[in-house]
Amino acid sequence: MMTLTLTVLLSVTSLFAVFLAAKSLLKIKICPLCAGVFITWTALLVMSWLGYAVDRTIVAVLVGESVVGLYHLAEKKFKEEWGVFRLPFLLSLTLAAIFLLDAERRPLSAIVFLAILWLLLALVHAWRNYPAGRGLVKKLIACCRDLPADRQAGNGG
């Protein structure tokens, strides 16, 4: 009998291969790995909502992978100056994942905290052209640059 863990690994691998082929054949811009992970956790989540026994830990790990994937995609797409918002962006994705996985958990305090964090960093971003804000903005943008090259972007870090 195949375990859920093996089923998940086979699902991600198979979907990766399908999307890799589709990307080449159809010239579509898609990350095959992200698509495979997303479809796998979405299917598992829907199955759990329909009453099937699904290991929520596996779903949570896969959703976490998507959170990190979205974070890295956004990091590539946005201008460097928007790096000031890395922390609240990642935390917002994390909170959205928590809400997705546990619909009953809606802590207002976490939402308020994130709103305040976004506001504070928006003020820091607005002051980026003033000497008082410039140094902090540079530190926030360069938060991962001081790591050795093999530890950047999640490679063993």
Protein backbone atom coordinates (compact mmCIF):
# COMPACT_ATOMS: atom_id res chain seq x y z
CA MET A 1 0.00 0.00 0.00
CA MET A 2 1.31 3.42 -0.97
CA THR A 3 1.67 5.91 1.87
CA LEU A 4 0.38 9.48 1.63
CA THR A 5 3.96 10.72 1.81
CA LEU A 6 4.97 8.66 -1.23
CA THR A 7 1.77 9.68 -3.03
CA VAL A 8 2.59 13.35 -2.44
CA LEU A 9 6.17 12.95 -3.65
CA LEU A 10 4.97 11.12 -6.76
CA SER A 11 2.29 13.77 -7.36
CA VAL A 12 4.73 16.67 -7.17
CA THR A 13 7.23 14.80 -9.37
CA SER A 14 4.64 13.83 -11.99
CA LEU A 15 3.10 17.29 -12.12
CA PHE A 16 6.58 18.81 -12.34
CA ALA A 17 7.29 16.66 -15.40
CA VAL A 18 3.93 17.52 -16.99
CA PHE A 19 4.39 21.25 -16.47
CA LEU A 20 8.02 21.11 -17.60
CA ALA A 21 6.88 19.52 -20.87
CA ALA A 22 3.96 21.94 -21.20
CA LYS A 23 6.29 24.87 -20.61
CA SER A 24 8.55 23.74 -23.43
CA LEU A 25 5.79 22.76 -25.86
CA LEU A 26 3.36 25.62 -25.25
CA LYS A 27 5.96 28.31 -24.47
CA ILE A 28 4.13 29.26 -21.28
CA LYS A 29 5.78 31.06 -18.40
CA ILE A 30 5.21 28.85 -15.40
CA CYS A 31 7.38 27.34 -12.72
CA PRO A 32 6.83 23.58 -13.06
CA LEU A 33 7.90 22.96 -9.48
CA CYS A 34 5.58 25.63 -8.07
CA ALA A 35 2.69 24.32 -10.15
CA GLY A 36 3.26 20.74 -9.01
CA VAL A 37 3.42 21.71 -5.35
CA PHE A 38 0.40 24.04 -5.62
CA ILE A 39 -1.85 21.51 -7.35
CA THR A 40 -0.83 18.79 -4.90
CA TRP A 41 -1.61 20.77 -1.76
CA THR A 42 -4.78 22.19 -3.29
CA ALA A 43 -6.04 18.67 -4.06
CA LEU A 44 -5.17 17.50 -0.54
CA LEU A 45 -6.88 20.50 1.03
CA VAL A 46 -10.04 19.98 -1.01
CA MET A 47 -10.00 16.29 -0.07
CA SER A 48 -9.76 17.21 3.62
CA TRP A 49 -12.67 19.67 3.25
CA LEU A 50 -14.69 16.84 1.68
CA GLY A 51 -14.07 14.69 4.73
CA TYR A 52 -11.20 12.48 3.58
CA ALA A 53 -8.47 11.73 6.10
CA VAL A 54 -5.51 13.83 5.05
CA ASP A 55 -2.34 14.44 7.04
CA ARG A 56 -2.50 18.20 7.70
CA THR A 57 1.23 18.30 8.42
CA ILE A 58 2.01 17.32 4.84
CA VAL A 59 -0.44 19.92 3.54
CA ALA A 60 1.12 22.56 5.80
CA VAL A 61 4.63 21.76 4.55
CA LEU A 62 3.49 22.02 0.92
CA VAL A 63 1.65 25.30 1.58
CA GLY A 64 4.80 26.60 3.28
CA GLU A 65 6.77 25.73 0.15
CA SER A 66 4.31 27.80 -1.89
CA VAL A 67 4.64 30.71 0.53
CA VAL A 68 8.41 30.71 0.10
CA GLY A 69 8.02 30.31 -3.68
CA LEU A 70 5.70 33.32 -3.87
CA TYR A 71 8.10 35.29 -1.70
CA HIS A 72 11.02 34.56 -4.03
CA LEU A 73 8.93 35.27 -7.13
CA ALA A 74 7.91 38.65 -5.72
CA GLU A 75 11.51 39.39 -4.78
CA LYS A 76 12.54 38.86 -8.42
CA LYS A 77 9.67 40.92 -9.86
CA PHE A 78 9.77 44.03 -7.69
CA LYS A 79 12.29 46.84 -7.69
CA GLU A 80 15.05 46.58 -5.12
CA GLU A 81 13.69 49.52 -3.10
CA TRP A 82 10.58 47.47 -2.29
CA GLY A 83 12.83 45.08 -0.35
CA VAL A 84 11.90 47.19 2.67
CA PHE A 85 8.64 45.24 2.70
CA ARG A 86 10.16 41.73 2.71
CA LEU A 87 9.25 40.98 6.32
CA PRO A 88 5.61 42.08 6.28
CA PHE A 89 5.10 40.46 2.87
CA LEU A 90 6.43 37.10 4.06
CA LEU A 91 4.49 37.34 7.32
CA SER A 92 1.30 38.23 5.42
CA LEU A 93 1.72 35.16 3.21
CA THR A 94 2.35 33.08 6.33
CA LEU A 95 -0.78 34.39 8.03
CA ALA A 96 -2.82 33.76 4.87
CA ALA A 97 -1.53 30.17 4.87
CA ILE A 98 -2.51 29.76 8.52
CA PHE A 99 -6.01 31.07 7.73
CA LEU A 100 -6.26 28.72 4.76
CA LEU A 101 -5.26 25.70 6.80
CA ASP A 102 -7.32 26.54 9.86
CA ALA A 103 -10.41 28.57 8.95
CA GLU A 104 -11.37 28.95 12.60
CA ARG A 105 -8.09 30.61 13.53
CA ARG A 106 -8.51 34.30 12.76
CA PRO A 107 -6.53 36.13 15.42
CA LEU A 108 -7.36 39.81 15.17
CA SER A 109 -4.18 40.60 17.08
CA ALA A 110 -2.05 39.09 14.28
CA ILE A 111 -3.92 41.09 11.65
CA VAL A 112 -3.50 44.30 13.64
CA PHE A 113 0.20 43.54 14.16
CA LEU A 114 0.72 43.07 10.42
CA ALA A 115 -1.19 46.26 9.61
CA ILE A 116 1.04 48.21 12.01
CA LEU A 117 4.19 46.58 10.59
CA TRP A 118 3.13 47.45 7.01
CA LEU A 119 2.41 51.04 8.10
CA LEU A 120 5.73 51.45 9.92
CA LEU A 121 7.70 50.12 6.98
CA ALA A 122 5.68 52.32 4.59
CA LEU A 123 6.85 55.29 6.67
CA VAL A 124 10.45 54.03 6.54
CA HIS A 125 10.11 53.63 2.76
CA ALA A 126 8.72 57.15 2.46
CA TRP A 127 11.74 58.49 4.36
CA ARG A 128 14.26 56.59 2.23
CA ASN A 129 15.55 59.78 0.60
CA TYR A 130 16.30 61.45 3.93
CA PRO A 131 19.53 60.76 5.82
CA ALA A 132 17.65 59.42 8.86
CA GLY A 133 15.79 56.82 6.80
CA ARG A 134 18.41 56.03 4.16
CA GLY A 135 20.60 53.89 6.44
CA LEU A 136 17.71 51.79 7.73
CA VAL A 137 16.32 51.29 4.23
CA LYS A 138 19.72 50.11 2.99
CA LYS A 139 19.96 47.63 5.88
CA LEU A 140 16.46 46.30 5.24
CA ILE A 141 17.11 45.89 1.52
CA ALA A 142 20.49 44.21 2.07
CA CYS A 143 19.30 41.89 4.85
CA CYS A 144 20.55 38.71 3.12
CA ARG A 145 23.48 40.09 1.15
CA ASP A 146 26.05 39.61 3.90
CA LEU A 147 25.65 35.84 3.79
CA PRO A 148 28.18 33.71 1.95
CA ALA A 149 27.03 32.98 -1.60
CA ASP A 150 26.21 29.35 -0.81
CA ARG A 151 23.83 30.42 1.98
CA GLN A 152 21.83 33.01 0.03
CA ALA A 153 18.37 32.32 -1.40
CA GLY A 154 17.73 29.43 0.94
CA ASN A 155 20.72 27.30 -0.11
CA GLY A 156 21.64 25.75 3.20
CA GLY A 157 20.79 28.84 5.19
